[in-house]
Amino acid sequence: MRMDLSCPAEVWQYAMPREDYPACDMTLYNLSDKTIASVEVTLLFYDQEGEEQARQIYRAHSLKGLSGQTFRMTAPVESKVKPHRMEVLIEKVWHEDNSVWRRDRDAMVEYTPNALPNSRSLEMLRYVAGSAAVGYPQEQDNVWMCVCGRPNHKQTRTCRRCRRDKEEIFTRYNREAIDKLVTQRHKQLDLQAKAAREDASRLQLQRE
């Protein structure tokens, strides 16, 4: 995936257009400290071979993207477009104070999402790191991936989305640390269960 990491908003989720619903619903997150009023995106559509099939530019007006919160927008898509895969690039962001952010094509970075599939590993990670966790932190060529799924510049010491410290993230939420904490928790539960069984046995003997 590609992103200009200076963008004040990021795309969290989007739905592929369908034949019965020729539109793309998107959930975005406002990273800035100002309310977002309008967003312009480019939708890139690819076929099964990975070749670009079509592209569309759409600007949504009258948005109310509050600072530090998610907001939604919907972009209509031409009905003839039937993509196998798509990509969303944020081109411009307008704030309520009329300031405008524009994408810098030279500042785009490539990254691979670190999101885990729904699994026991993801459950254990969220048990330790919180419900917003999506995957183990990673160092990649151009960025580091936070446990919350946000790519950050190599030199950035704090995640731009969740504001957690990079050193703490990589120390506390790596796979080995999570596995160790989960093992300790299982041992605690086993000891508690054993103690409960012993207490129940003593009570039963006293009653007899």
N, C-alpha and C. Protein backbone atom coordinates (compact mmCIF):
# COMPACT_ATOMS: atom_id res chain seq x y z
N MET A 1 0.84 -1.19 0.00
CA MET A 1 0.00 0.00 0.00
C MET A 1 0.88 1.25 0.00
N ARG A 2 0.26 2.38 -0.38
CA ARG A 2 0.99 3.63 -0.46
C ARG A 2 0.30 4.71 0.36
N MET A 3 1.12 5.62 0.91
CA MET A 3 0.54 6.70 1.71
C MET A 3 1.54 7.84 1.83
N ASP A 4 1.00 9.06 1.85
CA ASP A 4 1.77 10.23 2.26
C ASP A 4 1.55 10.35 3.75
N LEU A 5 2.59 10.09 4.54
CA LEU A 5 2.44 10.02 6.00
C LEU A 5 2.14 11.37 6.64
N SER A 6 2.24 12.45 5.87
CA SER A 6 1.91 13.77 6.41
C SER A 6 0.43 14.08 6.32
N CYS A 7 -0.34 13.20 5.68
CA CYS A 7 -1.77 13.43 5.49
C CYS A 7 -2.49 13.55 6.84
N PRO A 8 -3.36 14.55 7.02
CA PRO A 8 -4.07 14.71 8.30
C PRO A 8 -5.22 13.74 8.49
N ALA A 9 -5.49 12.93 7.49
CA ALA A 9 -6.54 11.90 7.61
C ALA A 9 -6.00 10.61 7.04
N GLU A 10 -6.58 9.50 7.45
CA GLU A 10 -6.19 8.22 6.87
C GLU A 10 -7.43 7.36 6.65
N VAL A 11 -7.34 6.51 5.63
CA VAL A 11 -8.45 5.62 5.31
C VAL A 11 -8.32 4.37 6.16
N TRP A 12 -9.33 4.13 7.01
CA TRP A 12 -9.32 2.94 7.86
C TRP A 12 -9.93 1.75 7.14
N GLN A 13 -11.07 1.95 6.54
CA GLN A 13 -11.79 0.86 5.87
C GLN A 13 -12.47 1.39 4.63
N TYR A 14 -12.67 0.51 3.66
CA TYR A 14 -13.50 0.86 2.51
C TYR A 14 -14.10 -0.40 1.93
N ALA A 15 -15.26 -0.24 1.31
CA ALA A 15 -15.98 -1.37 0.73
C ALA A 15 -15.93 -1.29 -0.78
N MET A 16 -15.67 -2.42 -1.41
CA MET A 16 -15.64 -2.48 -2.86
C MET A 16 -17.03 -2.20 -3.43
N PRO A 17 -17.12 -1.51 -4.56
CA PRO A 17 -18.43 -1.30 -5.18
C PRO A 17 -19.02 -2.63 -5.66
N ARG A 18 -20.34 -2.73 -5.61
CA ARG A 18 -21.03 -3.93 -6.07
C ARG A 18 -21.95 -3.56 -7.23
N GLU A 19 -22.39 -4.61 -7.95
CA GLU A 19 -23.28 -4.36 -9.09
C GLU A 19 -24.57 -3.71 -8.63
N ASP A 20 -25.07 -4.12 -7.46
CA ASP A 20 -26.31 -3.54 -6.94
C ASP A 20 -26.08 -2.30 -6.09
N TYR A 21 -24.80 -1.93 -5.91
CA TYR A 21 -24.46 -0.74 -5.12
C TYR A 21 -23.17 -0.14 -5.68
N PRO A 22 -23.28 0.63 -6.77
CA PRO A 22 -22.09 1.19 -7.44
C PRO A 22 -21.52 2.39 -6.69
N ALA A 23 -20.95 2.12 -5.53
CA ALA A 23 -20.37 3.18 -4.70
C ALA A 23 -19.34 2.56 -3.77
N CYS A 24 -18.48 3.41 -3.26
CA CYS A 24 -17.46 2.97 -2.31
C CYS A 24 -17.66 3.70 -0.99
N ASP A 25 -18.06 2.95 0.04
CA ASP A 25 -18.20 3.51 1.38
C ASP A 25 -16.85 3.47 2.09
N MET A 26 -16.46 4.59 2.68
CA MET A 26 -15.16 4.67 3.34
C MET A 26 -15.29 5.18 4.77
N THR A 27 -14.47 4.64 5.65
CA THR A 27 -14.33 5.16 7.00
C THR A 27 -12.94 5.76 7.12
N LEU A 28 -12.88 7.04 7.47
CA LEU A 28 -11.61 7.74 7.61
C LEU A 28 -11.41 8.16 9.07
N TYR A 29 -10.17 8.48 9.39
CA TYR A 29 -9.84 8.90 10.76
C TYR A 29 -9.10 10.23 10.69
N ASN A 30 -9.53 11.17 11.51
CA ASN A 30 -8.92 12.50 11.54
C ASN A 30 -7.74 12.51 12.51
N LEU A 31 -6.54 12.62 11.96
CA LEU A 31 -5.32 12.62 12.77
C LEU A 31 -4.96 14.02 13.27
N SER A 32 -5.58 15.04 12.71
CA SER A 32 -5.21 16.41 13.03
C SER A 32 -5.98 16.91 14.25
N ASP A 33 -5.66 18.15 14.66
CA ASP A 33 -6.37 18.76 15.79
C ASP A 33 -7.45 19.72 15.31
N LYS A 34 -7.77 19.67 14.00
CA LYS A 34 -8.81 20.54 13.43
C LYS A 34 -9.89 19.70 12.76
N THR A 35 -11.10 20.21 12.72
CA THR A 35 -12.21 19.49 12.09
C THR A 35 -12.06 19.48 10.58
N ILE A 36 -12.26 18.32 9.98
CA ILE A 36 -12.16 18.17 8.52
C ILE A 36 -13.54 18.38 7.90
N ALA A 37 -13.59 19.26 6.89
CA ALA A 37 -14.86 19.61 6.24
C ALA A 37 -15.02 18.97 4.87
N SER A 38 -13.91 18.63 4.22
CA SER A 38 -14.01 18.09 2.86
C SER A 38 -12.76 17.25 2.55
N VAL A 39 -12.96 16.19 1.77
CA VAL A 39 -11.85 15.31 1.38
C VAL A 39 -11.99 14.95 -0.09
N GLU A 40 -10.87 14.99 -0.81
CA GLU A 40 -10.84 14.54 -2.21
C GLU A 40 -9.98 13.29 -2.30
N VAL A 41 -10.51 12.26 -2.93
CA VAL A 41 -9.79 10.99 -3.05
C VAL A 41 -9.70 10.57 -4.51
N THR A 42 -8.69 9.76 -4.80
CA THR A 42 -8.59 9.06 -6.07
C THR A 42 -8.83 7.59 -5.81
N LEU A 43 -9.78 7.01 -6.53
CA LEU A 43 -10.06 5.58 -6.44
C LEU A 43 -9.39 4.89 -7.61
N LEU A 44 -8.51 3.94 -7.31
CA LEU A 44 -7.80 3.18 -8.34
C LEU A 44 -8.35 1.77 -8.37
N PHE A 45 -8.74 1.31 -9.54
CA PHE A 45 -9.34 -0.01 -9.71
C PHE A 45 -8.41 -0.91 -10.54
N TYR A 46 -8.22 -2.15 -10.06
CA TYR A 46 -7.29 -3.08 -10.70
C TYR A 46 -8.02 -4.37 -11.09
N ASP A 47 -7.53 -5.00 -12.16
CA ASP A 47 -8.10 -6.28 -12.58
C ASP A 47 -7.36 -7.42 -11.88
N GLN A 48 -7.66 -8.66 -12.27
CA GLN A 48 -7.05 -9.82 -11.61
C GLN A 48 -5.55 -9.91 -11.82
N GLU A 49 -5.06 -9.33 -12.92
CA GLU A 49 -3.62 -9.35 -13.20
C GLU A 49 -2.88 -8.21 -12.51
N GLY A 50 -3.61 -7.36 -11.79
CA GLY A 50 -2.98 -6.25 -11.10
C GLY A 50 -2.80 -5.03 -11.97
N GLU A 51 -3.38 -5.04 -13.17
CA GLU A 51 -3.29 -3.89 -14.06
C GLU A 51 -4.38 -2.89 -13.71
N GLU A 52 -4.02 -1.60 -13.82
CA GLU A 52 -5.01 -0.58 -13.53
C GLU A 52 -6.14 -0.60 -14.56
N GLN A 53 -7.34 -0.73 -14.08
CA GLN A 53 -8.51 -0.86 -14.92
C GLN A 53 -9.19 0.49 -15.16
N ALA A 54 -9.25 1.28 -14.10
CA ALA A 54 -9.87 2.60 -14.18
C ALA A 54 -9.48 3.39 -12.94
N ARG A 55 -9.72 4.71 -13.00
CA ARG A 55 -9.51 5.56 -11.83
C ARG A 55 -10.54 6.66 -11.83
N GLN A 56 -10.96 7.07 -10.63
CA GLN A 56 -11.95 8.12 -10.48
C GLN A 56 -11.53 9.06 -9.37
N ILE A 57 -11.81 10.33 -9.55
CA ILE A 57 -11.54 11.33 -8.53
C ILE A 57 -12.87 11.82 -7.98
N TYR A 58 -12.96 11.89 -6.68
CA TYR A 58 -14.22 12.33 -6.07
C TYR A 58 -13.91 13.19 -4.85
N ARG A 59 -14.68 14.28 -4.71
CA ARG A 59 -14.55 15.14 -3.53
C ARG A 59 -15.86 15.12 -2.75
N ALA A 60 -15.77 14.83 -1.47
CA ALA A 60 -16.94 14.85 -0.58
C ALA A 60 -16.97 16.17 0.17
N HIS A 61 -18.13 16.82 0.20
CA HIS A 61 -18.31 18.10 0.88
C HIS A 61 -19.12 17.90 2.16
N SER A 62 -19.18 18.95 2.96
CA SER A 62 -20.03 19.00 4.16
C SER A 62 -19.77 17.84 5.11
N LEU A 63 -18.50 17.48 5.27
CA LEU A 63 -18.14 16.44 6.23
C LEU A 63 -17.99 17.06 7.62
N LYS A 64 -17.99 16.22 8.63
CA LYS A 64 -17.80 16.67 10.00
C LYS A 64 -16.82 15.72 10.68
N GLY A 65 -15.59 15.73 10.19
CA GLY A 65 -14.57 14.85 10.75
C GLY A 65 -13.90 15.50 11.95
N LEU A 66 -14.37 15.14 13.14
CA LEU A 66 -13.83 15.73 14.36
C LEU A 66 -12.44 15.19 14.68
N SER A 67 -11.66 15.99 15.35
CA SER A 67 -10.29 15.61 15.70
C SER A 67 -10.25 14.33 16.52
N GLY A 68 -9.39 13.39 16.09
CA GLY A 68 -9.22 12.15 16.83
C GLY A 68 -10.38 11.19 16.73
N GLN A 69 -11.25 11.37 15.72
CA GLN A 69 -12.40 10.49 15.57
C GLN A 69 -12.55 10.03 14.12
N THR A 70 -13.33 8.96 13.95
CA THR A 70 -13.61 8.47 12.60
C THR A 70 -14.78 9.23 12.00
N PHE A 71 -14.81 9.26 10.68
CA PHE A 71 -15.95 9.83 9.97
C PHE A 71 -16.09 9.07 8.64
N ARG A 72 -17.25 9.20 8.03
CA ARG A 72 -17.54 8.41 6.83
C ARG A 72 -17.79 9.30 5.62
N MET A 73 -17.49 8.75 4.45
CA MET A 73 -17.84 9.38 3.19
C MET A 73 -18.12 8.29 2.16
N THR A 74 -18.92 8.62 1.16
CA THR A 74 -19.28 7.66 0.12
C THR A 74 -18.99 8.28 -1.25
N ALA A 75 -18.28 7.54 -2.08
CA ALA A 75 -17.93 7.99 -3.42
C ALA A 75 -18.67 7.14 -4.45
N PRO A 76 -19.48 7.74 -5.30
CA PRO A 76 -20.16 6.97 -6.36
C PRO A 76 -19.14 6.43 -7.36
N VAL A 77 -19.43 5.27 -7.92
CA VAL A 77 -18.53 4.62 -8.88
C VAL A 77 -19.33 4.28 -10.14
N GLU A 78 -18.70 4.48 -11.28
CA GLU A 78 -19.37 4.15 -12.53
C GLU A 78 -19.76 2.67 -12.53
N SER A 79 -21.00 2.39 -12.93
CA SER A 79 -21.53 1.03 -12.85
C SER A 79 -20.76 0.03 -13.70
N LYS A 80 -20.09 0.50 -14.74
CA LYS A 80 -19.36 -0.42 -15.62
C LYS A 80 -18.07 -0.93 -14.99
N VAL A 81 -17.60 -0.27 -13.93
CA VAL A 81 -16.36 -0.67 -13.26
C VAL A 81 -16.62 -1.86 -12.36
N LYS A 82 -15.92 -2.96 -12.63
CA LYS A 82 -16.05 -4.19 -11.82
C LYS A 82 -14.65 -4.66 -11.44
N PRO A 83 -14.05 -4.03 -10.44
CA PRO A 83 -12.65 -4.30 -10.11
C PRO A 83 -12.47 -5.60 -9.31
N HIS A 84 -11.27 -6.14 -9.41
CA HIS A 84 -10.88 -7.29 -8.57
C HIS A 84 -10.26 -6.78 -7.26
N ARG A 85 -9.64 -5.60 -7.35
CA ARG A 85 -9.00 -4.98 -6.19
C ARG A 85 -9.01 -3.47 -6.39
N MET A 86 -8.96 -2.73 -5.31
CA MET A 86 -8.93 -1.27 -5.44
C MET A 86 -8.03 -0.65 -4.38
N GLU A 87 -7.70 0.61 -4.61
CA GLU A 87 -6.85 1.37 -3.70
C GLU A 87 -7.43 2.77 -3.58
N VAL A 88 -7.35 3.36 -2.38
CA VAL A 88 -7.85 4.69 -2.14
C VAL A 88 -6.69 5.60 -1.75
N LEU A 89 -6.51 6.69 -2.48
CA LEU A 89 -5.48 7.67 -2.17
C LEU A 89 -6.15 9.00 -1.82
N ILE A 90 -5.79 9.58 -0.69
CA ILE A 90 -6.31 10.89 -0.32
C ILE A 90 -5.47 11.95 -1.02
N GLU A 91 -6.12 12.79 -1.81
CA GLU A 91 -5.43 13.82 -2.59
C GLU A 91 -5.39 15.15 -1.86
N LYS A 92 -6.53 15.58 -1.31
CA LYS A 92 -6.61 16.87 -0.63
C LYS A 92 -7.53 16.76 0.58
N VAL A 93 -7.23 17.57 1.59
CA VAL A 93 -8.07 17.64 2.80
C VAL A 93 -8.29 19.11 3.12
N TRP A 94 -9.56 19.49 3.27
CA TRP A 94 -9.92 20.85 3.66
C TRP A 94 -10.40 20.85 5.11
N HIS A 95 -9.87 21.77 5.91
CA HIS A 95 -10.31 21.92 7.29
C HIS A 95 -11.36 23.03 7.39
N GLU A 96 -12.05 23.08 8.51
CA GLU A 96 -13.08 24.10 8.71
C GLU A 96 -12.51 25.52 8.72
N ASP A 97 -11.23 25.65 9.06
CA ASP A 97 -10.62 26.98 9.05
C ASP A 97 -10.10 27.37 7.67
N ASN A 98 -10.48 26.57 6.63
CA ASN A 98 -10.12 26.82 5.23
C ASN A 98 -8.68 26.48 4.88
N SER A 99 -7.92 25.92 5.81
CA SER A 99 -6.58 25.45 5.46
C SER A 99 -6.71 24.17 4.63
N VAL A 100 -5.77 23.95 3.71
CA VAL A 100 -5.84 22.83 2.78
C VAL A 100 -4.53 22.05 2.82
N TRP A 101 -4.65 20.72 2.89
CA TRP A 101 -3.49 19.84 2.75
C TRP A 101 -3.56 19.18 1.38
N ARG A 102 -2.42 19.11 0.68
CA ARG A 102 -2.34 18.47 -0.63
C ARG A 102 -1.30 17.36 -0.62
N ARG A 103 -1.62 16.27 -1.26
CA ARG A 103 -0.69 15.14 -1.30
C ARG A 103 0.58 15.49 -2.08
N ASP A 104 1.72 15.13 -1.51
CA ASP A 104 3.01 15.31 -2.17
C ASP A 104 3.39 13.98 -2.80
N ARG A 105 3.38 13.92 -4.12
CA ARG A 105 3.65 12.65 -4.80
C ARG A 105 5.04 12.12 -4.49
N ASP A 106 5.99 13.02 -4.20
CA ASP A 106 7.36 12.58 -3.89
C ASP A 106 7.48 12.06 -2.46
N ALA A 107 6.46 12.30 -1.63
CA ALA A 107 6.52 11.89 -0.23
C ALA A 107 5.82 10.56 0.02
N MET A 108 5.32 9.93 -1.04
CA MET A 108 4.61 8.67 -0.87
C MET A 108 5.56 7.55 -0.43
N VAL A 109 5.12 6.73 0.50
CA VAL A 109 5.92 5.59 0.96
C VAL A 109 5.11 4.31 0.78
N GLU A 110 5.82 3.23 0.53
CA GLU A 110 5.19 1.91 0.39
C GLU A 110 5.27 1.19 1.74
N TYR A 111 4.22 0.47 2.07
CA TYR A 111 4.25 -0.32 3.30
C TYR A 111 3.31 -1.52 3.16
N THR A 112 3.54 -2.51 4.00
CA THR A 112 2.71 -3.71 4.03
C THR A 112 1.93 -3.73 5.34
N PRO A 113 0.60 -3.77 5.30
CA PRO A 113 -0.18 -3.79 6.54
C PRO A 113 0.23 -4.96 7.44
N ASN A 114 0.20 -4.74 8.75
CA ASN A 114 0.59 -5.78 9.71
C ASN A 114 -0.61 -6.42 10.39
N ALA A 115 -1.82 -6.19 9.84
CA ALA A 115 -3.03 -6.69 10.47
C ALA A 115 -3.06 -8.22 10.49
N LEU A 116 -3.38 -8.78 11.66
CA LEU A 116 -3.54 -10.22 11.82
C LEU A 116 -4.96 -10.62 11.44
N PRO A 117 -5.16 -11.83 10.92
CA PRO A 117 -6.52 -12.31 10.69
C PRO A 117 -7.20 -12.58 12.03
N ASN A 118 -8.51 -12.68 12.03
CA ASN A 118 -9.22 -13.05 13.26
C ASN A 118 -8.73 -14.41 13.73
N SER A 119 -8.12 -14.43 14.89
CA SER A 119 -7.47 -15.65 15.37
C SER A 119 -7.21 -15.53 16.87
N ARG A 120 -6.72 -16.63 17.44
CA ARG A 120 -6.36 -16.64 18.85
C ARG A 120 -5.22 -15.65 19.12
N SER A 121 -4.29 -15.54 18.16
CA SER A 121 -3.17 -14.61 18.31
C SER A 121 -3.66 -13.18 18.43
N LEU A 122 -4.64 -12.81 17.59
CA LEU A 122 -5.19 -11.46 17.64
C LEU A 122 -5.92 -11.22 18.95
N GLU A 123 -6.65 -12.22 19.43
CA GLU A 123 -7.35 -12.10 20.71
C GLU A 123 -6.36 -11.85 21.85
N MET A 124 -5.25 -12.60 21.85
CA MET A 124 -4.27 -12.45 22.91
C MET A 124 -3.57 -11.09 22.83
N LEU A 125 -3.30 -10.64 21.60
CA LEU A 125 -2.68 -9.32 21.43
C LEU A 125 -3.59 -8.23 21.97
N ARG A 126 -4.88 -8.32 21.67
CA ARG A 126 -5.83 -7.30 22.15
C ARG A 126 -6.04 -7.40 23.65
N TYR A 127 -5.89 -8.59 24.21
CA TYR A 127 -6.01 -8.76 25.65
C TYR A 127 -4.93 -7.95 26.37
N VAL A 128 -3.74 -7.88 25.75
CA VAL A 128 -2.61 -7.18 26.36
C VAL A 128 -2.54 -5.71 25.91
N ALA A 129 -2.71 -5.47 24.59
CA ALA A 129 -2.47 -4.14 24.04
C ALA A 129 -3.73 -3.29 23.89
N GLY A 130 -4.91 -3.88 24.12
CA GLY A 130 -6.14 -3.12 23.99
C GLY A 130 -6.92 -3.49 22.74
N SER A 131 -8.18 -3.12 22.72
CA SER A 131 -9.08 -3.54 21.64
C SER A 131 -8.73 -2.92 20.29
N ALA A 132 -7.94 -1.83 20.27
CA ALA A 132 -7.58 -1.18 19.01
C ALA A 132 -6.39 -1.85 18.32
N ALA A 133 -5.75 -2.81 18.97
CA ALA A 133 -4.59 -3.49 18.37
C ALA A 133 -5.00 -4.32 17.17
N VAL A 134 -4.17 -4.31 16.14
CA VAL A 134 -4.48 -5.09 14.93
C VAL A 134 -3.36 -6.06 14.55
N GLY A 135 -2.12 -5.80 15.01
CA GLY A 135 -1.03 -6.69 14.63
C GLY A 135 0.24 -6.37 15.41
N TYR A 136 1.21 -7.27 15.34
CA TYR A 136 2.48 -7.06 16.04
C TYR A 136 3.25 -5.92 15.38
N PRO A 137 3.98 -5.12 16.15
CA PRO A 137 4.78 -4.04 15.56
C PRO A 137 5.86 -4.61 14.64
N GLN A 138 6.18 -3.86 13.59
CA GLN A 138 7.14 -4.33 12.59
C GLN A 138 8.03 -3.17 12.13
N GLU A 139 9.28 -3.49 11.84
CA GLU A 139 10.18 -2.58 11.14
C GLU A 139 10.17 -2.96 9.66
N GLN A 140 9.86 -2.02 8.79
CA GLN A 140 9.87 -2.25 7.35
C GLN A 140 10.88 -1.32 6.70
N ASP A 141 11.05 -1.43 5.39
CA ASP A 141 12.10 -0.68 4.70
C ASP A 141 11.99 0.83 4.94
N ASN A 142 10.79 1.37 4.78
CA ASN A 142 10.62 2.82 4.85
C ASN A 142 9.89 3.30 6.09
N VAL A 143 9.24 2.39 6.80
CA VAL A 143 8.40 2.79 7.93
C VAL A 143 8.50 1.76 9.06
N TRP A 144 7.92 2.11 10.20
CA TRP A 144 7.67 1.10 11.24
C TRP A 144 6.17 1.07 11.47
N MET A 145 5.66 -0.16 11.66
CA MET A 145 4.24 -0.37 11.83
C MET A 145 3.91 -0.49 13.31
N CYS A 146 2.96 0.33 13.75
CA CYS A 146 2.54 0.30 15.16
C CYS A 146 1.61 -0.88 15.40
N VAL A 147 1.42 -1.22 16.66
CA VAL A 147 0.50 -2.28 17.04
C VAL A 147 -0.94 -1.91 16.66
N CYS A 148 -1.23 -0.61 16.50
CA CYS A 148 -2.56 -0.17 16.10
C CYS A 148 -2.75 -0.23 14.59
N GLY A 149 -1.68 -0.55 13.84
CA GLY A 149 -1.78 -0.66 12.39
C GLY A 149 -1.34 0.56 11.61
N ARG A 150 -0.90 1.59 12.30
CA ARG A 150 -0.50 2.84 11.65
C ARG A 150 0.96 2.77 11.21
N PRO A 151 1.26 3.08 9.91
CA PRO A 151 2.65 3.22 9.48
C PRO A 151 3.20 4.58 9.93
N ASN A 152 4.45 4.59 10.36
CA ASN A 152 5.08 5.83 10.82
C ASN A 152 6.47 5.96 10.20
N HIS A 153 6.92 7.22 10.05
CA HIS A 153 8.27 7.45 9.53
C HIS A 153 9.30 6.76 10.42
N LYS A 154 10.39 6.33 9.83
CA LYS A 154 11.46 5.66 10.57
C LYS A 154 11.94 6.48 11.76
N GLN A 155 12.07 7.79 11.56
CA GLN A 155 12.63 8.63 12.62
C GLN A 155 11.61 9.07 13.65
N THR A 156 10.33 8.78 13.43
CA THR A 156 9.28 9.17 14.38
C THR A 156 9.33 8.29 15.61
N ARG A 157 9.32 8.89 16.80
CA ARG A 157 9.44 8.13 18.03
C ARG A 157 8.10 7.85 18.68
N THR A 158 7.02 8.45 18.17
CA THR A 158 5.69 8.26 18.72
C THR A 158 4.71 7.97 17.59
N CYS A 159 3.83 7.02 17.78
CA CYS A 159 2.85 6.70 16.75
C CYS A 159 1.92 7.90 16.54
N ARG A 160 1.72 8.26 15.30
CA ARG A 160 0.90 9.44 15.01
C ARG A 160 -0.58 9.20 15.33
N ARG A 161 -1.01 7.95 15.31
CA ARG A 161 -2.42 7.65 15.57
C ARG A 161 -2.71 7.45 17.06
N CYS A 162 -2.05 6.46 17.67
CA CYS A 162 -2.38 6.12 19.06
C CYS A 162 -1.50 6.83 20.09
N ARG A 163 -0.46 7.57 19.62
CA ARG A 163 0.40 8.38 20.48
C ARG A 163 1.26 7.58 21.44
N ARG A 164 1.40 6.28 21.20
CA ARG A 164 2.24 5.49 22.09
C ARG A 164 3.70 5.57 21.65
N ASP A 165 4.60 5.37 22.59
CA ASP A 165 6.03 5.47 22.35
C ASP A 165 6.52 4.24 21.59
N LYS A 166 7.36 4.47 20.59
CA LYS A 166 7.84 3.37 19.74
C LYS A 166 8.59 2.32 20.55
N GLU A 167 9.48 2.75 21.43
CA GLU A 167 10.27 1.79 22.21
C GLU A 167 9.37 0.92 23.07
N GLU A 168 8.37 1.54 23.69
CA GLU A 168 7.43 0.79 24.52
C GLU A 168 6.64 -0.21 23.68
N ILE A 169 6.23 0.22 22.50
CA ILE A 169 5.45 -0.64 21.61
C ILE A 169 6.24 -1.89 21.23
N PHE A 170 7.48 -1.70 20.80
CA PHE A 170 8.28 -2.84 20.36
C PHE A 170 8.74 -3.71 21.53
N THR A 171 8.80 -3.15 22.73
CA THR A 171 9.21 -3.93 23.90
C THR A 171 8.05 -4.74 24.47
N ARG A 172 6.88 -4.11 24.58
CA ARG A 172 5.75 -4.74 25.27
C ARG A 172 4.85 -5.57 24.36
N TYR A 173 4.79 -5.24 23.07
CA TYR A 173 3.78 -5.84 22.22
C TYR A 173 4.33 -6.68 21.07
N ASN A 174 5.60 -7.07 21.15
CA ASN A 174 6.11 -7.99 20.14
C ASN A 174 5.57 -9.40 20.42
N ARG A 175 5.70 -10.28 19.46
CA ARG A 175 5.11 -11.62 19.58
C ARG A 175 5.64 -12.37 20.80
N GLU A 176 6.96 -12.31 21.04
CA GLU A 176 7.54 -13.05 22.15
C GLU A 176 7.02 -12.54 23.49
N ALA A 177 6.90 -11.20 23.63
CA ALA A 177 6.41 -10.63 24.89
C ALA A 177 4.96 -11.01 25.14
N ILE A 178 4.16 -11.00 24.08
CA ILE A 178 2.74 -11.37 24.22
C ILE A 178 2.62 -12.84 24.61
N ASP A 179 3.39 -13.71 23.94
CA ASP A 179 3.35 -15.15 24.25
C ASP A 179 3.75 -15.40 25.70
N LYS A 180 4.76 -14.66 26.17
CA LYS A 180 5.22 -14.83 27.55
C LYS A 180 4.13 -14.43 28.54
N LEU A 181 3.48 -13.29 28.29
CA LEU A 181 2.42 -12.83 29.19
C LEU A 181 1.23 -13.78 29.18
N VAL A 182 0.90 -14.31 27.99
CA VAL A 182 -0.22 -15.25 27.89
C VAL A 182 0.09 -16.53 28.65
N THR A 183 1.35 -17.03 28.53
CA THR A 183 1.75 -18.23 29.26
C THR A 183 1.66 -18.01 30.77
N GLN A 184 2.12 -16.84 31.23
CA GLN A 184 2.03 -16.52 32.65
C GLN A 184 0.57 -16.46 33.10
N ARG A 185 -0.29 -15.90 32.27
CA ARG A 185 -1.70 -15.80 32.63
C ARG A 185 -2.33 -17.19 32.73
N HIS A 186 -1.98 -18.08 31.80
CA HIS A 186 -2.51 -19.44 31.85
C HIS A 186 -2.06 -20.16 33.11
N LYS A 187 -0.80 -19.94 33.51
CA LYS A 187 -0.29 -20.56 34.73
C LYS A 187 -1.05 -20.04 35.96
N GLN A 188 -1.33 -18.73 35.96
CA GLN A 188 -2.09 -18.15 37.06
C GLN A 188 -3.48 -18.77 37.15
N LEU A 189 -4.12 -18.91 35.99
CA LEU A 189 -5.47 -19.49 35.97
C LEU A 189 -5.44 -20.94 36.43
N ASP A 190 -4.39 -21.69 36.02
CA ASP A 190 -4.27 -23.08 36.44
C ASP A 190 -4.10 -23.17 37.96
N LEU A 191 -3.27 -22.28 38.52
CA LEU A 191 -3.06 -22.28 39.97
C LEU A 191 -4.35 -21.92 40.71
N GLN A 192 -5.09 -20.93 40.18
CA GLN A 192 -6.36 -20.54 40.79
C GLN A 192 -7.37 -21.68 40.74
N ALA A 193 -7.41 -22.37 39.59
CA ALA A 193 -8.34 -23.49 39.46
C ALA A 193 -7.96 -24.62 40.41
N LYS A 194 -6.65 -24.87 40.54
CA LYS A 194 -6.18 -25.92 41.46
C LYS A 194 -6.55 -25.57 42.90
N ALA A 195 -6.34 -24.30 43.28
CA ALA A 195 -6.67 -23.87 44.64
C ALA A 195 -8.17 -23.99 44.90
N ALA A 196 -8.98 -23.66 43.89
CA ALA A 196 -10.43 -23.77 44.04
C ALA A 196 -10.85 -25.21 44.23
N ARG A 197 -10.22 -26.12 43.47
CA ARG A 197 -10.54 -27.55 43.61
C ARG A 197 -10.15 -28.05 45.00
N GLU A 198 -8.99 -27.62 45.51
CA GLU A 198 -8.54 -28.06 46.83
C GLU A 198 -9.48 -27.53 47.92
N ASP A 199 -9.93 -26.27 47.76
CA ASP A 199 -10.86 -25.71 48.74
C ASP A 199 -12.18 -26.48 48.72
N ALA A 200 -12.65 -26.82 47.53
CA ALA A 200 -13.89 -27.57 47.42
C ALA A 200 -13.76 -28.94 48.07
N SER A 201 -12.58 -29.58 47.89
CA SER A 201 -12.36 -30.89 48.50
C SER A 201 -12.35 -30.81 50.02
N ARG A 202 -11.72 -29.75 50.57
CA ARG A 202 -11.69 -29.59 52.03
C ARG A 202 -13.08 -29.38 52.59
N LEU A 203 -13.88 -28.56 51.89
CA LEU A 203 -15.24 -28.32 52.35
C LEU A 203 -16.08 -29.61 52.32
N GLN A 204 -15.85 -30.41 51.28
CA GLN A 204 -16.58 -31.65 51.15
C GLN A 204 -16.22 -32.60 52.28
N LEU A 205 -14.92 -32.67 52.62
CA LEU A 205 -14.47 -33.52 53.73
C LEU A 205 -15.05 -33.05 55.05
N GLN A 206 -15.11 -31.72 55.25
CA GLN A 206 -15.67 -31.20 56.49
C GLN A 206 -17.15 -31.56 56.61
N ARG A 207 -17.88 -31.47 55.50
CA ARG A 207 -19.29 -31.81 55.54
C ARG A 207 -19.51 -33.29 55.84
N GLU A 208 -18.65 -34.15 55.28
CA GLU A 208 -18.74 -35.58 55.52
C GLU A 208 -18.43 -35.92 56.97
